[in-house]
Amino acid sequence: MIKPLKEVERFIIDLRNKMRFYDIVFLDRDKNRETIRILGIRVGERKEIVSTIEKKDYVETFEDSLDFPRQALWVFGKAIQGKEVYIKITLGRPNSNVICISFHIAERPLIYPYK
């Protein structure tokens, strides 16, 4: 589902604020680890990359997934070293860390509705 631009902008503000207070946790998945290796980025650089997400990087939003019930999953894409990286995040539960579920090279081209 594509969210209206105002909701995307609000999410980005909420994301940055929450990361500032509660930080961000990256799930340890094979694809995520492999991307870090391929791109040669340090694990800590992911947080910096996520914090630079802009509305033009927005792809789509999933609602109520099996792994994260009643939580919106937001998908963004960033070009890193010439590779398109798929980033899927949720704000998580109140008073807890942001969760980055996916941070890996995109498996197919991403479509950016606000680019």
PDB file of N, CA and C in Angstrom:
ATOM      1  N   MET A   1       0.843  -1.172   0.000  1.00  0.00           N
ATOM      2  CA  MET A   1       0.000   0.000   0.000  1.00  0.00           C
ATOM      3  C   MET A   1       0.894   1.243   0.000  1.00  0.00           C
ATOM      4  N   ILE A   2       0.523   2.200  -0.787  1.00  0.00           N
ATOM      5  CA  ILE A   2       1.246   3.466  -0.852  1.00  0.00           C
ATOM      6  C   ILE A   2       0.550   4.456   0.081  1.00  0.00           C
ATOM      7  N   LYS A   3       1.278   4.979   1.033  1.00  0.00           N
ATOM      8  CA  LYS A   3       0.735   5.955   1.982  1.00  0.00           C
ATOM      9  C   LYS A   3       0.791   7.352   1.366  1.00  0.00           C
ATOM     10  N   PRO A   4      -0.142   8.222   1.763  1.00  0.00           N
ATOM     11  CA  PRO A   4      -0.083   9.618   1.304  1.00  0.00           C
ATOM     12  C   PRO A   4       1.225  10.273   1.765  1.00  0.00           C
ATOM     13  N   LEU A   5       1.689  11.220   0.984  1.00  0.00           N
ATOM     14  CA  LEU A   5       2.963  11.873   1.256  1.00  0.00           C
ATOM     15  C   LEU A   5       3.043  12.446   2.672  1.00  0.00           C
ATOM     16  N   LYS A   6       1.969  13.033   3.163  1.00  0.00           N
ATOM     17  CA  LYS A   6       1.969  13.612   4.515  1.00  0.00           C
ATOM     18  C   LYS A   6       2.232  12.539   5.577  1.00  0.00           C
ATOM     19  N   GLU A   7       1.703  11.340   5.378  1.00  0.00           N
ATOM     20  CA  GLU A   7       1.947  10.244   6.326  1.00  0.00           C
ATOM     21  C   GLU A   7       3.396   9.780   6.266  1.00  0.00           C
ATOM     22  N   VAL A   8       3.957   9.764   5.072  1.00  0.00           N
ATOM     23  CA  VAL A   8       5.368   9.390   4.913  1.00  0.00           C
ATOM     24  C   VAL A   8       6.241  10.416   5.637  1.00  0.00           C
ATOM     25  N   GLU A   9       5.963  11.685   5.440  1.00  0.00           N
ATOM     26  CA  GLU A   9       6.737  12.732   6.110  1.00  0.00           C
ATOM     27  C   GLU A   9       6.618  12.624   7.628  1.00  0.00           C
ATOM     28  N   ARG A  10       5.416  12.329   8.123  1.00  0.00           N
ATOM     29  CA  ARG A  10       5.205  12.169   9.564  1.00  0.00           C
ATOM     30  C   ARG A  10       5.972  10.956  10.092  1.00  0.00           C
ATOM     31  N   PHE A  11       5.957   9.863   9.332  1.00  0.00           N
ATOM     32  CA  PHE A  11       6.691   8.672   9.742  1.00  0.00           C
ATOM     33  C   PHE A  11       8.186   8.968   9.871  1.00  0.00           C
ATOM     34  N   ILE A  12       8.738   9.690   8.915  1.00  0.00           N
ATOM     35  CA  ILE A  12      10.172   9.993   8.942  1.00  0.00           C
ATOM     36  C   ILE A  12      10.522  10.825  10.173  1.00  0.00           C
ATOM     37  N   ILE A  13       9.693  11.781  10.508  1.00  0.00           N
ATOM     38  CA  ILE A  13       9.908  12.576  11.731  1.00  0.00           C
ATOM     39  C   ILE A  13       9.845  11.665  12.947  1.00  0.00           C
ATOM     40  N   ASP A  14       8.821  10.814  13.021  1.00  0.00           N
ATOM     41  CA  ASP A  14       8.674   9.899  14.160  1.00  0.00           C
ATOM     42  C   ASP A  14       9.856   8.935  14.250  1.00  0.00           C
ATOM     43  N   LEU A  15      10.309   8.445  13.089  1.00  0.00           N
ATOM     44  CA  LEU A  15      11.452   7.526  13.041  1.00  0.00           C
ATOM     45  C   LEU A  15      12.690   8.184  13.633  1.00  0.00           C
ATOM     46  N   ARG A  16      13.006   9.370  13.190  1.00  0.00           N
ATOM     47  CA  ARG A  16      14.208  10.068  13.682  1.00  0.00           C
ATOM     48  C   ARG A  16      14.110  10.353  15.171  1.00  0.00           C
ATOM     49  N   ASN A  17      12.941  10.802  15.616  1.00  0.00           N
ATOM     50  CA  ASN A  17      12.758  11.078  17.044  1.00  0.00           C
ATOM     51  C   ASN A  17      12.909   9.810  17.881  1.00  0.00           C
ATOM     52  N   LYS A  18      12.299   8.744  17.435  1.00  0.00           N
ATOM     53  CA  LYS A  18      12.360   7.501  18.206  1.00  0.00           C
ATOM     54  C   LYS A  18      13.778   6.932  18.220  1.00  0.00           C
ATOM     55  N   MET A  19      14.478   7.014  17.090  1.00  0.00           N
ATOM     56  CA  MET A  19      15.864   6.537  17.050  1.00  0.00           C
ATOM     57  C   MET A  19      16.739   7.341  18.009  1.00  0.00           C
ATOM     58  N   ARG A  20      16.455   8.608  18.140  1.00  0.00           N
ATOM     59  CA  ARG A  20      17.235   9.474  19.025  1.00  0.00           C
ATOM     60  C   ARG A  20      17.049   9.065  20.496  1.00  0.00           C
ATOM     61  N   PHE A  21      15.834   8.668  20.850  1.00  0.00           N
ATOM     62  CA  PHE A  21      15.552   8.327  22.247  1.00  0.00           C
ATOM     63  C   PHE A  21      15.734   6.849  22.576  1.00  0.00           C
ATOM     64  N   TYR A  22      15.375   5.973  21.635  1.00  0.00           N
ATOM     65  CA  TYR A  22      15.382   4.535  21.937  1.00  0.00           C
ATOM     66  C   TYR A  22      16.341   3.716  21.071  1.00  0.00           C
ATOM     67  N   ASP A  23      16.960   4.333  20.080  1.00  0.00           N
ATOM     68  CA  ASP A  23      17.912   3.658  19.196  1.00  0.00           C
ATOM     69  C   ASP A  23      17.195   2.773  18.175  1.00  0.00           C
ATOM     70  N   ILE A  24      17.949   1.946  17.492  1.00  0.00           N
ATOM     71  CA  ILE A  24      17.421   1.058  16.457  1.00  0.00           C
ATOM     72  C   ILE A  24      18.102  -0.296  16.581  1.00  0.00           C
ATOM     73  N   VAL A  25      17.333  -1.340  16.381  1.00  0.00           N
ATOM     74  CA  VAL A  25      17.847  -2.710  16.403  1.00  0.00           C
ATOM     75  C   VAL A  25      17.743  -3.265  14.991  1.00  0.00           C
ATOM     76  N   PHE A  26      18.813  -3.889  14.517  1.00  0.00           N
ATOM     77  CA  PHE A  26      18.832  -4.515  13.194  1.00  0.00           C
ATOM     78  C   PHE A  26      18.732  -6.017  13.381  1.00  0.00           C
ATOM     79  N   LEU A  27      17.746  -6.640  12.723  1.00  0.00           N
ATOM     80  CA  LEU A  27      17.612  -8.089  12.825  1.00  0.00           C
ATOM     81  C   LEU A  27      18.788  -8.758  12.127  1.00  0.00           C
ATOM     82  N   ASP A  28      19.260  -9.824  12.733  1.00  0.00           N
ATOM     83  CA  ASP A  28      20.414 -10.560  12.225  1.00  0.00           C
ATOM     84  C   ASP A  28      19.922 -11.631  11.257  1.00  0.00           C
ATOM     85  N   ARG A  29      19.943 -11.294   9.980  1.00  0.00           N
ATOM     86  CA  ARG A  29      19.500 -12.212   8.933  1.00  0.00           C
ATOM     87  C   ARG A  29      20.627 -12.394   7.926  1.00  0.00           C
ATOM     88  N   ASP A  30      20.654 -13.543   7.287  1.00  0.00           N
ATOM     89  CA  ASP A  30      21.719 -13.849   6.321  1.00  0.00           C
ATOM     90  C   ASP A  30      21.842 -12.776   5.248  1.00  0.00           C
ATOM     91  N   LYS A  31      20.712 -12.373   4.651  1.00  0.00           N
ATOM     92  CA  LYS A  31      20.740 -11.374   3.573  1.00  0.00           C
ATOM     93  C   LYS A  31      21.313 -10.051   4.075  1.00  0.00           C
ATOM     94  N   ASN A  32      20.956  -9.689   5.302  1.00  0.00           N
ATOM     95  CA  ASN A  32      21.436  -8.433   5.871  1.00  0.00           C
ATOM     96  C   ASN A  32      22.952  -8.487   6.091  1.00  0.00           C
ATOM     97  N   ARG A  33      23.434  -9.584   6.653  1.00  0.00           N
ATOM     98  CA  ARG A  33      24.878  -9.752   6.876  1.00  0.00           C
ATOM     99  C   ARG A  33      25.644  -9.768   5.556  1.00  0.00           C
ATOM    100  N   GLU A  34      25.103 -10.453   4.565  1.00  0.00           N
ATOM    101  CA  GLU A  34      25.757 -10.556   3.265  1.00  0.00           C
ATOM    102  C   GLU A  34      25.877  -9.179   2.597  1.00  0.00           C
ATOM    103  N   THR A  35      24.856  -8.356   2.735  1.00  0.00           N
ATOM    104  CA  THR A  35      24.889  -7.011   2.160  1.00  0.00           C
ATOM    105  C   THR A  35      25.987  -6.170   2.804  1.00  0.00           C
ATOM    106  N   ILE A  36      26.115  -6.249   4.100  1.00  0.00           N
ATOM    107  CA  ILE A  36      27.173  -5.507   4.796  1.00  0.00           C
ATOM    108  C   ILE A  36      28.540  -5.950   4.282  1.00  0.00           C
ATOM    109  N   ARG A  37      28.692  -7.242   4.086  1.00  0.00           N
ATOM    110  CA  ARG A  37      29.961  -7.784   3.590  1.00  0.00           C
ATOM    111  C   ARG A  37      30.230  -7.298   2.160  1.00  0.00           C
ATOM    112  N   ILE A  38      29.234  -7.433   1.293  1.00  0.00           N
ATOM    113  CA  ILE A  38      29.399  -7.051  -0.120  1.00  0.00           C
ATOM    114  C   ILE A  38      29.715  -5.562  -0.259  1.00  0.00           C
ATOM    115  N   LEU A  39      28.991  -4.731   0.482  1.00  0.00           N
ATOM    116  CA  LEU A  39      29.181  -3.281   0.370  1.00  0.00           C
ATOM    117  C   LEU A  39      30.386  -2.785   1.167  1.00  0.00           C
ATOM    118  N   GLY A  40      30.886  -3.615   2.057  1.00  0.00           N
ATOM    119  CA  GLY A  40      32.045  -3.223   2.851  1.00  0.00           C
ATOM    120  C   GLY A  40      31.748  -2.106   3.833  1.00  0.00           C
ATOM    121  N   ILE A  41      30.506  -2.067   4.314  1.00  0.00           N
ATOM    122  CA  ILE A  41      30.164  -1.041   5.307  1.00  0.00           C
ATOM    123  C   ILE A  41      30.246  -1.646   6.704  1.00  0.00           C
ATOM    124  N   ARG A  42      30.501  -0.789   7.661  1.00  0.00           N
ATOM    125  CA  ARG A  42      30.546  -1.246   9.053  1.00  0.00           C
ATOM    126  C   ARG A  42      29.113  -1.384   9.562  1.00  0.00           C
ATOM    127  N   VAL A  43      28.945  -2.277  10.501  1.00  0.00           N
ATOM    128  CA  VAL A  43      27.612  -2.516  11.058  1.00  0.00           C
ATOM    129  C   VAL A  43      26.991  -1.210  11.551  1.00  0.00           C
ATOM    130  N   GLY A  44      27.764  -0.377  12.207  1.00  0.00           N
ATOM    131  CA  GLY A  44      27.262   0.880  12.744  1.00  0.00           C
ATOM    132  C   GLY A  44      26.828   1.882  11.693  1.00  0.00           C
ATOM    133  N   GLU A  45      27.324   1.748  10.490  1.00  0.00           N
ATOM    134  CA  GLU A  45      26.951   2.681   9.423  1.00  0.00           C
ATOM    135  C   GLU A  45      25.495   2.541   9.016  1.00  0.00           C
ATOM    136  N   ARG A  46      24.904   1.386   9.278  1.00  0.00           N
ATOM    137  CA  ARG A  46      23.498   1.197   8.912  1.00  0.00           C
ATOM    138  C   ARG A  46      22.602   2.222   9.599  1.00  0.00           C
ATOM    139  N   LYS A  47      22.864   2.483  10.875  1.00  0.00           N
ATOM    140  CA  LYS A  47      22.050   3.448  11.619  1.00  0.00           C
ATOM    141  C   LYS A  47      22.123   4.827  10.961  1.00  0.00           C
ATOM    142  N   GLU A  48      23.310   5.216  10.569  1.00  0.00           N
ATOM    143  CA  GLU A  48      23.493   6.504   9.899  1.00  0.00           C
ATOM    144  C   GLU A  48      22.715   6.547   8.584  1.00  0.00           C
ATOM    145  N   ILE A  49      22.748   5.450   7.844  1.00  0.00           N
ATOM    146  CA  ILE A  49      22.029   5.378   6.564  1.00  0.00           C
ATOM    147  C   ILE A  49      20.524   5.484   6.792  1.00  0.00           C
ATOM    148  N   VAL A  50      20.003   4.739   7.761  1.00  0.00           N
ATOM    149  CA  VAL A  50      18.567   4.797   8.056  1.00  0.00           C
ATOM    150  C   VAL A  50      18.168   6.200   8.496  1.00  0.00           C
ATOM    151  N   SER A  51      19.025   6.859   9.248  1.00  0.00           N
ATOM    152  CA  SER A  51      18.680   8.201   9.734  1.00  0.00           C
ATOM    153  C   SER A  51      18.633   9.240   8.615  1.00  0.00           C
ATOM    154  N   THR A  52      19.146   8.901   7.424  1.00  0.00           N
ATOM    155  CA  THR A  52      19.110   9.846   6.298  1.00  0.00           C
ATOM    156  C   THR A  52      17.958   9.581   5.329  1.00  0.00           C
ATOM    157  N   ILE A  53      17.082   8.647   5.685  1.00  0.00           N
ATOM    158  CA  ILE A  53      15.929   8.353   4.828  1.00  0.00           C
ATOM    159  C   ILE A  53      15.110   9.624   4.586  1.00  0.00           C
ATOM    160  N   GLU A  54      14.688   9.791   3.344  1.00  0.00           N
ATOM    161  CA  GLU A  54      13.871  10.940   2.953  1.00  0.00           C
ATOM    162  C   GLU A  54      12.606  10.441   2.269  1.00  0.00           C
ATOM    163  N   LYS A  55      11.658  11.354   2.062  1.00  0.00           N
ATOM    164  CA  LYS A  55      10.393  10.966   1.427  1.00  0.00           C
ATOM    165  C   LYS A  55      10.612  10.399   0.029  1.00  0.00           C
ATOM    166  N   LYS A  56      11.618  10.864  -0.686  1.00  0.00           N
ATOM    167  CA  LYS A  56      11.887  10.346  -2.028  1.00  0.00           C
ATOM    168  C   LYS A  56      12.358   8.891  -2.003  1.00  0.00           C
ATOM    169  N   ASP A  57      12.799   8.397  -0.844  1.00  0.00           N
ATOM    170  CA  ASP A  57      13.275   7.018  -0.696  1.00  0.00           C
ATOM    171  C   ASP A  57      12.143   6.032  -0.392  1.00  0.00           C
ATOM    172  N   TYR A  58      10.949   6.563  -0.125  1.00  0.00           N
ATOM    173  CA  TYR A  58       9.806   5.722   0.246  1.00  0.00           C
ATOM    174  C   TYR A  58       9.368   4.824  -0.913  1.00  0.00           C
ATOM    175  N   VAL A  59       9.037   3.564  -0.562  1.00  0.00           N
ATOM    176  CA  VAL A  59       8.562   2.592  -1.549  1.00  0.00           C
ATOM    177  C   VAL A  59       7.115   2.194  -1.258  1.00  0.00           C
ATOM    178  N   GLU A  60       6.851   1.649  -0.075  1.00  0.00           N
ATOM    179  CA  GLU A  60       5.497   1.204   0.269  1.00  0.00           C
ATOM    180  C   GLU A  60       5.413   0.879   1.751  1.00  0.00           C
ATOM    181  N   THR A  61       4.200   0.565   2.199  1.00  0.00           N
ATOM    182  CA  THR A  61       3.957   0.199   3.587  1.00  0.00           C
ATOM    183  C   THR A  61       3.115  -1.072   3.620  1.00  0.00           C
ATOM    184  N   PHE A  62       3.515  -1.998   4.479  1.00  0.00           N
ATOM    185  CA  PHE A  62       2.736  -3.212   4.723  1.00  0.00           C
ATOM    186  C   PHE A  62       2.052  -3.061   6.071  1.00  0.00           C
ATOM    187  N   GLU A  63       0.851  -3.534   6.169  1.00  0.00           N
ATOM    188  CA  GLU A  63       0.127  -3.488   7.444  1.00  0.00           C
ATOM    189  C   GLU A  63      -0.032  -4.896   8.006  1.00  0.00           C
ATOM    190  N   ASP A  64       0.186  -5.021   9.308  1.00  0.00           N
ATOM    191  CA  ASP A  64      -0.165  -6.242  10.037  1.00  0.00           C
ATOM    192  C   ASP A  64       0.454  -7.516   9.441  1.00  0.00           C
ATOM    193  N   SER A  65       1.756  -7.612   9.461  1.00  0.00           N
ATOM    194  CA  SER A  65       2.427  -8.810   8.951  1.00  0.00           C
ATOM    195  C   SER A  65       2.367  -9.938   9.976  1.00  0.00           C
ATOM    196  N   LEU A  66       2.700 -11.124   9.555  1.00  0.00           N
ATOM    197  CA  LEU A  66       2.703 -12.276  10.472  1.00  0.00           C
ATOM    198  C   LEU A  66       3.749 -12.123  11.559  1.00  0.00           C
ATOM    199  N   ASP A  67       4.934 -11.645  11.198  1.00  0.00           N
ATOM    200  CA  ASP A  67       6.011 -11.508  12.175  1.00  0.00           C
ATOM    201  C   ASP A  67       5.837 -10.319  13.099  1.00  0.00           C
ATOM    202  N   PHE A  68       5.153  -9.295  12.627  1.00  0.00           N
ATOM    203  CA  PHE A  68       4.950  -8.078  13.410  1.00  0.00           C
ATOM    204  C   PHE A  68       3.479  -7.675  13.361  1.00  0.00           C
ATOM    205  N   PRO A  69       2.621  -8.430  14.055  1.00  0.00           N
ATOM    206  CA  PRO A  69       1.183  -8.126  14.008  1.00  0.00           C
ATOM    207  C   PRO A  69       0.869  -6.736  14.555  1.00  0.00           C
ATOM    208  N   ARG A  70      -0.093  -6.105  13.924  1.00  0.00           N
ATOM    209  CA  ARG A  70      -0.576  -4.773  14.316  1.00  0.00           C
ATOM    210  C   ARG A  70       0.501  -3.700  14.268  1.00  0.00           C
ATOM    211  N   GLN A  71       1.523  -3.914  13.440  1.00  0.00           N
ATOM    212  CA  GLN A  71       2.563  -2.906  13.265  1.00  0.00           C
ATOM    213  C   GLN A  71       2.760  -2.654  11.774  1.00  0.00           C
ATOM    214  N   ALA A  72       2.863  -1.396  11.413  1.00  0.00           N
ATOM    215  CA  ALA A  72       3.116  -1.042  10.011  1.00  0.00           C
ATOM    216  C   ALA A  72       4.602  -1.258   9.709  1.00  0.00           C
ATOM    217  N   LEU A  73       4.873  -1.856   8.568  1.00  0.00           N
ATOM    218  CA  LEU A  73       6.240  -2.072   8.103  1.00  0.00           C
ATOM    219  C   LEU A  73       6.465  -1.137   6.916  1.00  0.00           C
ATOM    220  N   TRP A  74       7.426  -0.266   7.039  1.00  0.00           N
ATOM    221  CA  TRP A  74       7.697   0.759   6.041  1.00  0.00           C
ATOM    222  C   TRP A  74       8.914   0.362   5.223  1.00  0.00           C
ATOM    223  N   VAL A  75       8.798   0.448   3.903  1.00  0.00           N
ATOM    224  CA  VAL A  75       9.878   0.063   3.003  1.00  0.00           C
ATOM    225  C   VAL A  75      10.434   1.312   2.318  1.00  0.00           C
ATOM    226  N   PHE A  76      11.762   1.403   2.348  1.00  0.00           N
ATOM    227  CA  PHE A  76      12.488   2.485   1.694  1.00  0.00           C
ATOM    228  C   PHE A  76      13.625   1.866   0.892  1.00  0.00           C
ATOM    229  N   GLY A  77      14.164   2.623  -0.022  1.00  0.00           N
ATOM    230  CA  GLY A  77      15.329   2.187  -0.780  1.00  0.00           C
ATOM    231  C   GLY A  77      16.381   3.281  -0.773  1.00  0.00           C
ATOM    232  N   LYS A  78      17.628   2.866  -0.693  1.00  0.00           N
ATOM    233  CA  LYS A  78      18.738   3.813  -0.733  1.00  0.00           C
ATOM    234  C   LYS A  78      19.798   3.269  -1.674  1.00  0.00           C
ATOM    235  N   ALA A  79      20.382   4.146  -2.458  1.00  0.00           N
ATOM    236  CA  ALA A  79      21.511   3.764  -3.305  1.00  0.00           C
ATOM    237  C   ALA A  79      22.778   3.857  -2.459  1.00  0.00           C
ATOM    238  N   ILE A  80      23.466   2.730  -2.348  1.00  0.00           N
ATOM    239  CA  ILE A  80      24.700   2.669  -1.580  1.00  0.00           C
ATOM    240  C   ILE A  80      25.749   1.987  -2.452  1.00  0.00           C
ATOM    241  N   GLN A  81      26.788   2.733  -2.764  1.00  0.00           N
ATOM    242  CA  GLN A  81      27.881   2.224  -3.595  1.00  0.00           C
ATOM    243  C   GLN A  81      27.364   1.605  -4.901  1.00  0.00           C
ATOM    244  N   GLY A  82      26.403   2.277  -5.501  1.00  0.00           N
ATOM    245  CA  GLY A  82      25.871   1.829  -6.781  1.00  0.00           C
ATOM    246  C   GLY A  82      24.881   0.671  -6.703  1.00  0.00           C
ATOM    247  N   LYS A  83      24.537   0.234  -5.506  1.00  0.00           N
ATOM    248  CA  LYS A  83      23.566  -0.851  -5.307  1.00  0.00           C
ATOM    249  C   LYS A  83      22.312  -0.281  -4.655  1.00  0.00           C
ATOM    250  N   GLU A  84      21.165  -0.792  -5.071  1.00  0.00           N
ATOM    251  CA  GLU A  84      19.900  -0.394  -4.458  1.00  0.00           C
ATOM    252  C   GLU A  84      19.668  -1.272  -3.232  1.00  0.00           C
ATOM    253  N   VAL A  85      19.549  -0.642  -2.070  1.00  0.00           N
ATOM    254  CA  VAL A  85      19.374  -1.374  -0.819  1.00  0.00           C
ATOM    255  C   VAL A  85      17.934  -1.234  -0.343  1.00  0.00           C
ATOM    256  N   TYR A  86      17.328  -2.380  -0.040  1.00  0.00           N
ATOM    257  CA  TYR A  86      15.949  -2.493   0.442  1.00  0.00           C
ATOM    258  C   TYR A  86      15.988  -2.391   1.962  1.00  0.00           C
ATOM    259  N   ILE A  87      15.260  -1.431   2.513  1.00  0.00           N
ATOM    260  CA  ILE A  87      15.240  -1.198   3.954  1.00  0.00           C
ATOM    261  C   ILE A  87      13.794  -1.274   4.437  1.00  0.00           C
ATOM    262  N   LYS A  88      13.524  -2.242   5.312  1.00  0.00           N
ATOM    263  CA  LYS A  88      12.166  -2.403   5.863  1.00  0.00           C
ATOM    264  C   LYS A  88      12.249  -2.195   7.369  1.00  0.00           C
ATOM    265  N   ILE A  89      11.464  -1.231   7.869  1.00  0.00           N
ATOM    266  CA  ILE A  89      11.529  -0.880   9.281  1.00  0.00           C
ATOM    267  C   ILE A  89      10.137  -0.718   9.878  1.00  0.00           C
ATOM    268  N   THR A  90      10.090  -0.869  11.188  1.00  0.00           N
ATOM    269  CA  THR A  90       8.875  -0.583  11.945  1.00  0.00           C
ATOM    270  C   THR A  90       9.275   0.237  13.165  1.00  0.00           C
ATOM    271  N   LEU A  91       8.387   1.092  13.589  1.00  0.00           N
ATOM    272  CA  LEU A  91       8.665   1.864  14.798  1.00  0.00           C
ATOM    273  C   LEU A  91       8.630   0.987  16.039  1.00  0.00           C
ATOM    274  N   GLY A  92       8.118  -0.227  15.917  1.00  0.00           N
ATOM    275  CA  GLY A  92       8.076  -1.132  17.067  1.00  0.00           C
ATOM    276  C   GLY A  92       7.018  -0.712  18.069  1.00  0.00           C
ATOM    277  N   ARG A  93       7.118  -1.291  19.208  1.00  0.00           N
ATOM    278  CA  ARG A  93       6.150  -0.993  20.274  1.00  0.00           C
ATOM    279  C   ARG A  93       6.491   0.338  20.945  1.00  0.00           C
ATOM    280  N   PRO A  94       5.502   0.945  21.601  1.00  0.00           N
ATOM    281  CA  PRO A  94       5.783   2.200  22.316  1.00  0.00           C
ATOM    282  C   PRO A  94       6.906   2.003  23.343  1.00  0.00           C
ATOM    283  N   ASN A  95       7.707   3.028  23.525  1.00  0.00           N
ATOM    284  CA  ASN A  95       8.803   3.027  24.505  1.00  0.00           C
ATOM    285  C   ASN A  95       9.813   1.907  24.276  1.00  0.00           C
ATOM    286  N   SER A  96      10.095   1.622  23.017  1.00  0.00           N
ATOM    287  CA  SER A  96      11.089   0.602  22.684  1.00  0.00           C
ATOM    288  C   SER A  96      11.818   1.010  21.403  1.00  0.00           C
ATOM    289  N   ASN A  97      12.817   0.235  21.033  1.00  0.00           N
ATOM    290  CA  ASN A  97      13.633   0.532  19.861  1.00  0.00           C
ATOM    291  C   ASN A  97      12.849   0.432  18.556  1.00  0.00           C
ATOM    292  N   VAL A  98      13.320   1.193  17.577  1.00  0.00           N
ATOM    293  CA  VAL A  98      12.923   1.004  16.190  1.00  0.00           C
ATOM    294  C   VAL A  98      13.511  -0.343  15.767  1.00  0.00           C
ATOM    295  N   ILE A  99      12.841  -1.059  14.878  1.00  0.00           N
ATOM    296  CA  ILE A  99      13.337  -2.353  14.412  1.00  0.00           C
ATOM    297  C   ILE A  99      13.539  -2.292  12.901  1.00  0.00           C
ATOM    298  N   CYS A 100      14.752  -2.602  12.475  1.00  0.00           N
ATOM    299  CA  CYS A 100      15.048  -2.704  11.051  1.00  0.00           C
ATOM    300  C   CYS A 100      15.057  -4.194  10.717  1.00  0.00           C
ATOM    301  N   ILE A 101      14.061  -4.626   9.991  1.00  0.00           N
ATOM    302  CA  ILE A 101      13.883  -6.033   9.660  1.00  0.00           C
ATOM    303  C   ILE A 101      14.775  -6.428   8.495  1.00  0.00           C
ATOM    304  N   SER A 102      14.815  -5.559   7.493  1.00  0.00           N
ATOM    305  CA  SER A 102      15.600  -5.846   6.287  1.00  0.00           C
ATOM    306  C   SER A 102      16.521  -4.689   5.970  1.00  0.00           C
ATOM    307  N   PHE A 103      17.733  -5.030   5.620  1.00  0.00           N
ATOM    308  CA  PHE A 103      18.720  -4.068   5.149  1.00  0.00           C
ATOM    309  C   PHE A 103      19.615  -4.853   4.204  1.00  0.00           C
ATOM    310  N   HIS A 104      19.120  -5.031   2.970  1.00  0.00           N
ATOM    311  CA  HIS A 104      19.848  -5.876   2.028  1.00  0.00           C
ATOM    312  C   HIS A 104      19.694  -5.358   0.609  1.00  0.00           C
ATOM    313  N   ILE A 105      20.562  -5.821  -0.259  1.00  0.00           N
ATOM    314  CA  ILE A 105      20.490  -5.445  -1.660  1.00  0.00           C
ATOM    315  C   ILE A 105      19.135  -5.888  -2.204  1.00  0.00           C
ATOM    316  N   ALA A 106      18.458  -4.978  -2.890  1.00  0.00           N
ATOM    317  CA  ALA A 106      17.115  -5.260  -3.415  1.00  0.00           C
ATOM    318  C   ALA A 106      17.162  -6.444  -4.383  1.00  0.00           C
ATOM    319  N   GLU A 107      16.175  -7.298  -4.261  1.00  0.00           N
ATOM    320  CA  GLU A 107      16.087  -8.478  -5.117  1.00  0.00           C
ATOM    321  C   GLU A 107      15.425  -8.174  -6.452  1.00  0.00           C
ATOM    322  N   ARG A 108      14.769  -7.029  -6.537  1.00  0.00           N
ATOM    323  CA  ARG A 108      14.159  -6.563  -7.788  1.00  0.00           C
ATOM    324  C   ARG A 108      14.116  -5.039  -7.709  1.00  0.00           C
ATOM    325  N   PRO A 109      13.968  -4.368  -8.842  1.00  0.00           N
ATOM    326  CA  PRO A 109      13.941  -2.899  -8.818  1.00  0.00           C
ATOM    327  C   PRO A 109      12.802  -2.365  -7.943  1.00  0.00           C
ATOM    328  N   LEU A 110      13.076  -1.342  -7.191  1.00  0.00           N
ATOM    329  CA  LEU A 110      12.069  -0.734  -6.330  1.00  0.00           C
ATOM    330  C   LEU A 110      11.403   0.419  -7.070  1.00  0.00           C
ATOM    331  N   ILE A 111      10.155   0.654  -6.743  1.00  0.00           N
ATOM    332  CA  ILE A 111       9.390   1.756  -7.349  1.00  0.00           C
ATOM    333  C   ILE A 111       9.181   2.808  -6.267  1.00  0.00           C
ATOM    334  N   TYR A 112       9.565   4.027  -6.559  1.00  0.00           N
ATOM    335  CA  TYR A 112       9.519   5.134  -5.611  1.00  0.00           C
ATOM    336  C   TYR A 112       8.406   6.097  -6.015  1.00  0.00           C
ATOM    337  N   PRO A 113       7.254   6.067  -5.347  1.00  0.00           N
ATOM    338  CA  PRO A 113       6.143   6.915  -5.778  1.00  0.00           C
ATOM    339  C   PRO A 113       6.369   8.421  -5.597  1.00  0.00           C
ATOM    340  N   TYR A 114       7.317   8.822  -4.741  1.00  0.00           N
ATOM    341  CA  TYR A 114       7.532  10.242  -4.489  1.00  0.00           C
ATOM    342  C   TYR A 114       8.889  10.742  -4.957  1.00  0.00           C
ATOM    343  N   LYS A 115       9.510  10.015  -5.864  1.00  0.00           N
ATOM    344  CA  LYS A 115      10.818  10.428  -6.397  1.00  0.00           C
ATOM    345  C   LYS A 115      10.614  11.311  -7.606  1.00  0.00           C
TER     346      LYS A 115
END
